[in-house]
């Protein structure tokens, strides 16, 4: 093999570039996001209560939103009754975004940390002024 040295050097250079993202991040950590609940509507609420509990929403908000979408668009049902029996209107923009109006600090911070790109914003839009 006449070019064995060049092949080995080429493979070493390739491996150096291919593994760079791994060894460049050794020992580094990314801080866990703390979504901001600092909005005027939430501050004005007497009892700070979401459609479900905080733990439920952290774990299952996407499943809940998918159920809401299917219920509203496919079954024409716009009323949601939570686990405590309280009624809410099924609407991402008028129920969820009414309180969580700062999409950048509330939604995007966690979705960026988790490296997910939800398709909610393919149809929905954020109104001017944070909503």
N, C-alpha and C. Protein backbone atom coordinates (compact mmCIF):
# COMPACT_ATOMS: atom_id res chain seq x y z
N UNK A 1 0.85 -1.16 0.00
CA UNK A 1 0.00 0.00 0.00
C UNK A 1 0.90 1.23 0.00
N UNK A 2 0.85 1.99 -1.09
CA UNK A 2 1.74 3.13 -1.26
C UNK A 2 1.29 4.37 -0.49
N UNK A 3 -0.07 4.54 -0.33
CA UNK A 3 -0.61 5.75 0.31
C UNK A 3 -1.14 5.47 1.71
N UNK A 4 -0.65 4.46 2.39
CA UNK A 4 -1.13 4.09 3.73
C UNK A 4 -0.98 5.21 4.73
N UNK A 5 0.13 5.95 4.69
CA UNK A 5 0.35 7.06 5.62
C UNK A 5 -0.67 8.17 5.42
N UNK A 6 -0.96 8.49 4.17
CA UNK A 6 -1.95 9.54 3.87
C UNK A 6 -3.34 9.11 4.33
N UNK A 7 -3.65 7.84 4.16
CA UNK A 7 -4.97 7.34 4.57
C UNK A 7 -5.11 7.42 6.08
N UNK A 8 -4.09 7.02 6.80
CA UNK A 8 -4.14 7.05 8.26
C UNK A 8 -4.25 8.49 8.76
N UNK A 9 -3.47 9.39 8.20
CA UNK A 9 -3.55 10.81 8.58
C UNK A 9 -4.95 11.36 8.27
N UNK A 10 -5.49 11.01 7.13
CA UNK A 10 -6.84 11.45 6.75
C UNK A 10 -7.89 10.92 7.72
N UNK A 11 -7.76 9.66 8.12
CA UNK A 11 -8.70 9.08 9.07
C UNK A 11 -8.60 9.77 10.44
N UNK A 12 -7.38 10.08 10.87
CA UNK A 12 -7.20 10.77 12.15
C UNK A 12 -7.81 12.17 12.11
N UNK A 13 -7.63 12.88 11.01
CA UNK A 13 -8.23 14.21 10.87
C UNK A 13 -9.76 14.10 10.85
N UNK A 14 -10.27 13.12 10.14
CA UNK A 14 -11.73 12.90 10.11
C UNK A 14 -12.26 12.62 11.51
N UNK A 15 -11.61 11.73 12.24
CA UNK A 15 -12.05 11.41 13.60
C UNK A 15 -11.98 12.62 14.52
N UNK A 16 -10.96 13.45 14.35
CA UNK A 16 -10.84 14.66 15.17
C UNK A 16 -12.04 15.58 14.93
N UNK A 17 -12.42 15.77 13.67
CA UNK A 17 -13.56 16.63 13.35
C UNK A 17 -14.89 15.98 13.76
N UNK A 18 -15.01 14.68 13.56
CA UNK A 18 -16.27 13.99 13.86
C UNK A 18 -16.54 13.94 15.36
N UNK A 19 -15.50 13.88 16.18
CA UNK A 19 -15.71 13.78 17.63
C UNK A 19 -15.58 15.14 18.34
N UNK A 20 -15.30 16.20 17.60
CA UNK A 20 -15.13 17.52 18.20
C UNK A 20 -16.32 17.96 19.07
N UNK A 21 -17.59 17.80 18.62
CA UNK A 21 -18.70 18.23 19.48
C UNK A 21 -18.73 17.52 20.83
N UNK A 22 -18.27 16.30 20.87
CA UNK A 22 -18.30 15.54 22.12
C UNK A 22 -17.21 15.99 23.09
N UNK A 23 -15.98 16.05 22.62
CA UNK A 23 -14.93 16.40 23.56
C UNK A 23 -14.85 17.89 23.83
N UNK A 24 -15.45 18.72 23.02
CA UNK A 24 -15.45 20.16 23.31
C UNK A 24 -16.45 20.52 24.40
N UNK A 25 -17.43 19.65 24.65
CA UNK A 25 -18.46 19.93 25.66
C UNK A 25 -18.25 19.15 26.96
N UNK A 26 -17.17 18.44 27.09
CA UNK A 26 -16.93 17.67 28.31
C UNK A 26 -16.80 18.63 29.49
N UNK A 27 -17.57 18.35 30.54
CA UNK A 27 -17.51 19.16 31.75
C UNK A 27 -18.40 20.38 31.74
N UNK A 28 -19.02 20.68 30.63
CA UNK A 28 -19.91 21.84 30.55
C UNK A 28 -21.35 21.39 30.82
N UNK A 29 -22.11 22.24 31.44
CA UNK A 29 -23.52 21.93 31.66
C UNK A 29 -24.35 23.16 31.31
N UNK A 30 -25.56 22.89 30.90
CA UNK A 30 -26.48 23.96 30.56
C UNK A 30 -27.46 24.10 31.71
N UNK A 31 -27.66 25.31 32.16
CA UNK A 31 -28.57 25.55 33.28
C UNK A 31 -30.00 25.19 32.91
N UNK A 32 -30.69 24.57 33.84
CA UNK A 32 -32.09 24.21 33.65
C UNK A 32 -32.91 25.49 33.55
N UNK A 33 -33.77 25.60 32.56
CA UNK A 33 -34.54 26.84 32.41
C UNK A 33 -35.59 26.98 33.51
N UNK A 34 -35.84 28.20 33.87
CA UNK A 34 -36.92 28.54 34.79
C UNK A 34 -37.87 29.45 34.03
N UNK A 35 -38.97 28.90 33.51
CA UNK A 35 -39.89 29.72 32.72
C UNK A 35 -40.45 30.87 33.54
N UNK A 36 -40.54 32.01 32.91
CA UNK A 36 -40.99 33.22 33.59
C UNK A 36 -42.51 33.27 33.64
N UNK A 37 -43.04 33.38 34.85
CA UNK A 37 -44.48 33.55 35.04
C UNK A 37 -44.80 34.99 35.40
N UNK A 38 -43.88 35.87 35.05
CA UNK A 38 -43.99 37.29 35.40
C UNK A 38 -44.74 38.04 34.30
N UNK A 39 -46.05 37.82 34.24
CA UNK A 39 -46.87 38.54 33.27
C UNK A 39 -47.95 39.31 34.03
N UNK A 40 -48.47 40.39 33.47
CA UNK A 40 -49.48 41.19 34.17
C UNK A 40 -50.73 40.38 34.55
N UNK A 41 -51.17 39.50 33.67
CA UNK A 41 -52.38 38.72 33.94
C UNK A 41 -52.16 37.78 35.12
N UNK A 42 -51.01 37.11 35.15
CA UNK A 42 -50.72 36.18 36.25
C UNK A 42 -50.57 36.95 37.56
N UNK A 43 -49.92 38.11 37.52
CA UNK A 43 -49.77 38.93 38.73
C UNK A 43 -51.12 39.37 39.28
N UNK A 44 -52.07 39.64 38.39
CA UNK A 44 -53.38 40.13 38.81
C UNK A 44 -54.28 39.02 39.34
N UNK A 45 -53.94 37.77 39.06
CA UNK A 45 -54.77 36.66 39.52
C UNK A 45 -54.71 36.54 41.04
N UNK A 46 -55.86 36.35 41.64
CA UNK A 46 -55.90 36.16 43.08
C UNK A 46 -55.35 34.78 43.43
N UNK A 47 -55.85 33.76 42.73
CA UNK A 47 -55.39 32.39 42.94
C UNK A 47 -54.71 31.93 41.66
N UNK A 48 -53.42 31.71 41.73
CA UNK A 48 -52.64 31.33 40.54
C UNK A 48 -52.87 29.86 40.25
N UNK A 49 -53.72 29.62 39.24
CA UNK A 49 -54.14 28.26 38.93
C UNK A 49 -54.21 28.07 37.42
N UNK A 50 -53.58 27.02 36.95
CA UNK A 50 -53.61 26.70 35.52
C UNK A 50 -54.76 25.72 35.28
N UNK A 51 -54.91 25.29 34.04
CA UNK A 51 -55.99 24.35 33.72
C UNK A 51 -55.81 23.02 34.46
N UNK A 52 -54.58 22.63 34.71
CA UNK A 52 -54.28 21.45 35.52
C UNK A 52 -53.14 21.81 36.46
N UNK A 53 -52.71 20.87 37.28
CA UNK A 53 -51.63 21.14 38.23
C UNK A 53 -50.31 21.41 37.52
N UNK A 54 -49.39 22.06 38.22
CA UNK A 54 -48.09 22.39 37.65
C UNK A 54 -47.35 21.13 37.19
N UNK A 55 -47.35 20.09 38.01
CA UNK A 55 -46.67 18.84 37.64
C UNK A 55 -47.28 18.20 36.41
N UNK A 56 -48.62 18.19 36.35
CA UNK A 56 -49.31 17.63 35.19
C UNK A 56 -48.93 18.40 33.93
N UNK A 57 -48.95 19.72 34.02
CA UNK A 57 -48.66 20.54 32.84
C UNK A 57 -47.22 20.37 32.39
N UNK A 58 -46.28 20.26 33.31
CA UNK A 58 -44.88 20.05 32.92
C UNK A 58 -44.70 18.74 32.18
N UNK A 59 -45.39 17.71 32.62
CA UNK A 59 -45.23 16.39 32.01
C UNK A 59 -46.09 16.21 30.77
N UNK A 60 -47.30 16.73 30.78
CA UNK A 60 -48.30 16.34 29.77
C UNK A 60 -48.90 17.47 28.96
N UNK A 61 -48.27 18.65 28.95
CA UNK A 61 -48.93 19.76 28.26
C UNK A 61 -49.09 19.51 26.77
N UNK A 62 -48.13 18.84 26.15
CA UNK A 62 -48.26 18.60 24.70
C UNK A 62 -49.39 17.62 24.41
N UNK A 63 -49.52 16.58 25.23
CA UNK A 63 -50.63 15.65 25.04
C UNK A 63 -51.97 16.35 25.25
N UNK A 64 -52.02 17.23 26.25
CA UNK A 64 -53.25 17.99 26.50
C UNK A 64 -53.58 18.88 25.30
N UNK A 65 -52.57 19.55 24.76
CA UNK A 65 -52.81 20.42 23.60
C UNK A 65 -53.25 19.62 22.38
N UNK A 66 -52.71 18.43 22.21
CA UNK A 66 -53.15 17.59 21.08
C UNK A 66 -54.60 17.15 21.28
N UNK A 67 -54.95 16.77 22.51
CA UNK A 67 -56.34 16.40 22.81
C UNK A 67 -57.26 17.59 22.56
N UNK A 68 -56.83 18.78 22.99
CA UNK A 68 -57.62 19.99 22.77
C UNK A 68 -57.82 20.24 21.28
N UNK A 69 -56.74 20.12 20.52
CA UNK A 69 -56.83 20.35 19.07
C UNK A 69 -57.84 19.39 18.45
N UNK A 70 -57.72 18.10 18.79
CA UNK A 70 -58.62 17.11 18.21
C UNK A 70 -60.06 17.36 18.64
N UNK A 71 -60.25 17.70 19.90
CA UNK A 71 -61.60 17.95 20.42
C UNK A 71 -62.23 19.17 19.76
N UNK A 72 -61.45 20.23 19.62
CA UNK A 72 -62.00 21.48 19.06
C UNK A 72 -62.22 21.38 17.56
N UNK A 73 -61.24 20.86 16.85
CA UNK A 73 -61.32 20.88 15.39
C UNK A 73 -62.09 19.70 14.80
N UNK A 74 -61.96 18.55 15.40
CA UNK A 74 -62.59 17.35 14.82
C UNK A 74 -63.96 17.07 15.41
N UNK A 75 -64.13 17.38 16.70
CA UNK A 75 -65.39 17.06 17.37
C UNK A 75 -66.22 18.31 17.69
N UNK A 76 -65.70 19.49 17.41
CA UNK A 76 -66.37 20.78 17.65
C UNK A 76 -66.75 20.96 19.12
N UNK A 77 -65.93 20.41 20.02
CA UNK A 77 -66.15 20.59 21.46
C UNK A 77 -65.13 21.62 21.95
N UNK A 78 -65.61 22.68 22.56
CA UNK A 78 -64.75 23.77 23.00
C UNK A 78 -64.70 23.94 24.51
N UNK A 79 -65.18 22.95 25.26
CA UNK A 79 -65.20 23.05 26.71
C UNK A 79 -64.35 21.93 27.30
N UNK A 80 -63.45 22.30 28.22
CA UNK A 80 -62.58 21.33 28.89
C UNK A 80 -62.89 21.38 30.38
N UNK A 81 -63.08 20.22 30.98
CA UNK A 81 -63.31 20.11 32.42
C UNK A 81 -62.07 19.48 33.02
N UNK A 82 -61.40 20.21 33.93
CA UNK A 82 -60.15 19.69 34.49
C UNK A 82 -60.44 18.67 35.59
N UNK A 83 -59.37 18.17 36.21
CA UNK A 83 -59.50 17.12 37.22
C UNK A 83 -60.25 17.59 38.47
N UNK A 84 -60.36 18.91 38.67
CA UNK A 84 -61.08 19.46 39.83
C UNK A 84 -62.52 19.83 39.49
N UNK A 85 -62.92 19.62 38.23
CA UNK A 85 -64.28 19.92 37.82
C UNK A 85 -64.50 21.32 37.29
N UNK A 86 -63.43 22.10 37.16
CA UNK A 86 -63.55 23.48 36.66
C UNK A 86 -63.56 23.48 35.13
N UNK A 87 -64.37 24.35 34.55
CA UNK A 87 -64.52 24.44 33.10
C UNK A 87 -63.57 25.49 32.52
N UNK A 88 -62.99 25.17 31.36
CA UNK A 88 -62.12 26.09 30.62
C UNK A 88 -62.49 26.01 29.15
N UNK A 89 -62.33 27.12 28.44
CA UNK A 89 -62.54 27.15 26.99
C UNK A 89 -61.29 26.60 26.33
N UNK A 90 -61.47 25.69 25.39
CA UNK A 90 -60.35 25.09 24.68
C UNK A 90 -59.86 26.09 23.63
N UNK A 91 -58.71 26.69 23.91
CA UNK A 91 -58.12 27.67 23.00
C UNK A 91 -56.68 27.93 23.42
N UNK A 92 -55.76 27.67 22.53
CA UNK A 92 -54.35 27.93 22.83
C UNK A 92 -54.13 29.42 23.03
N UNK A 93 -54.64 30.22 22.12
CA UNK A 93 -54.37 31.65 22.18
C UNK A 93 -55.22 32.40 23.21
N UNK A 94 -56.44 31.97 23.45
CA UNK A 94 -57.30 32.71 24.36
C UNK A 94 -57.33 32.14 25.77
N UNK A 95 -56.87 30.93 25.97
CA UNK A 95 -56.82 30.36 27.31
C UNK A 95 -55.38 30.31 27.79
N UNK A 96 -54.54 29.60 27.07
CA UNK A 96 -53.14 29.43 27.50
C UNK A 96 -52.35 30.74 27.38
N UNK A 97 -52.38 31.34 26.21
CA UNK A 97 -51.57 32.53 25.95
C UNK A 97 -52.13 33.78 26.64
N UNK A 98 -53.34 33.68 27.18
CA UNK A 98 -53.88 34.81 27.95
C UNK A 98 -53.00 35.05 29.18
N UNK A 99 -52.62 33.98 29.86
CA UNK A 99 -51.76 34.12 31.05
C UNK A 99 -50.28 34.03 30.68
N UNK A 100 -49.95 33.08 29.84
CA UNK A 100 -48.55 32.85 29.47
C UNK A 100 -48.23 33.63 28.20
N UNK A 101 -48.38 34.94 28.28
CA UNK A 101 -48.29 35.79 27.10
C UNK A 101 -46.86 36.02 26.61
N UNK A 102 -45.86 35.77 27.44
CA UNK A 102 -44.48 35.99 27.02
C UNK A 102 -43.92 34.69 26.45
N UNK A 103 -44.20 34.43 25.19
CA UNK A 103 -43.80 33.19 24.53
C UNK A 103 -42.29 32.97 24.59
N UNK A 104 -41.54 34.03 24.41
CA UNK A 104 -40.08 33.91 24.40
C UNK A 104 -39.54 33.42 25.74
N UNK A 105 -40.06 33.96 26.84
CA UNK A 105 -39.58 33.57 28.18
C UNK A 105 -40.27 32.34 28.72
N UNK A 106 -41.47 32.02 28.25
CA UNK A 106 -42.19 30.88 28.81
C UNK A 106 -42.05 29.64 27.94
N UNK A 107 -42.46 29.71 26.69
CA UNK A 107 -42.44 28.53 25.81
C UNK A 107 -41.04 28.25 25.26
N UNK A 108 -40.46 29.27 24.63
CA UNK A 108 -39.22 29.06 23.88
C UNK A 108 -38.05 28.65 24.77
N UNK A 109 -38.03 29.12 26.01
CA UNK A 109 -36.91 28.80 26.89
C UNK A 109 -36.82 27.29 27.16
N UNK A 110 -37.92 26.67 27.49
CA UNK A 110 -37.92 25.22 27.76
C UNK A 110 -37.80 24.41 26.49
N UNK A 111 -38.49 24.83 25.43
CA UNK A 111 -38.41 24.08 24.18
C UNK A 111 -37.00 24.14 23.60
N UNK A 112 -36.31 25.26 23.76
CA UNK A 112 -34.92 25.35 23.32
C UNK A 112 -34.01 24.45 24.12
N UNK A 113 -34.23 24.40 25.43
CA UNK A 113 -33.43 23.54 26.32
C UNK A 113 -33.62 22.07 25.96
N UNK A 114 -34.86 21.70 25.66
CA UNK A 114 -35.17 20.30 25.33
C UNK A 114 -34.92 19.98 23.86
N UNK A 115 -34.56 20.99 23.08
CA UNK A 115 -34.29 20.82 21.64
C UNK A 115 -35.49 20.25 20.91
N UNK A 116 -36.67 20.81 21.19
CA UNK A 116 -37.87 20.41 20.47
C UNK A 116 -38.43 21.62 19.73
N UNK A 117 -39.08 21.36 18.63
CA UNK A 117 -39.66 22.42 17.82
C UNK A 117 -41.14 22.11 17.64
N UNK A 118 -41.99 22.56 18.57
CA UNK A 118 -43.42 22.22 18.46
C UNK A 118 -44.03 22.88 17.23
N UNK A 119 -45.00 22.20 16.67
CA UNK A 119 -45.63 22.70 15.45
C UNK A 119 -46.84 23.58 15.74
N UNK A 120 -47.03 23.98 17.00
CA UNK A 120 -48.15 24.86 17.36
C UNK A 120 -48.12 26.14 16.53
N UNK A 121 -46.90 26.66 16.35
CA UNK A 121 -46.75 27.98 15.75
C UNK A 121 -46.77 27.92 14.24
N UNK A 122 -47.04 26.73 13.66
CA UNK A 122 -47.25 26.65 12.23
C UNK A 122 -48.60 27.28 11.86
N UNK A 123 -49.56 27.15 12.77
CA UNK A 123 -50.89 27.72 12.52
C UNK A 123 -51.16 28.94 13.39
N UNK A 124 -50.75 28.89 14.66
CA UNK A 124 -51.00 29.98 15.59
C UNK A 124 -49.90 31.03 15.49
N UNK A 125 -50.22 32.23 15.88
CA UNK A 125 -49.24 33.30 15.84
C UNK A 125 -49.25 34.04 17.17
N UNK A 126 -48.15 34.70 17.46
CA UNK A 126 -48.04 35.49 18.68
C UNK A 126 -48.36 36.92 18.31
N UNK A 127 -49.35 37.48 18.99
CA UNK A 127 -49.78 38.85 18.70
C UNK A 127 -48.70 39.85 19.10
N UNK A 128 -48.75 41.03 18.51
CA UNK A 128 -47.80 42.09 18.83
C UNK A 128 -47.85 42.43 20.31
N UNK A 129 -46.72 42.83 20.87
CA UNK A 129 -46.68 43.19 22.28
C UNK A 129 -46.57 41.97 23.18
N UNK A 130 -46.03 40.86 22.65
CA UNK A 130 -45.83 39.68 23.46
C UNK A 130 -46.94 38.67 23.39
N UNK A 131 -48.07 39.02 22.77
CA UNK A 131 -49.18 38.08 22.67
C UNK A 131 -49.47 37.80 21.23
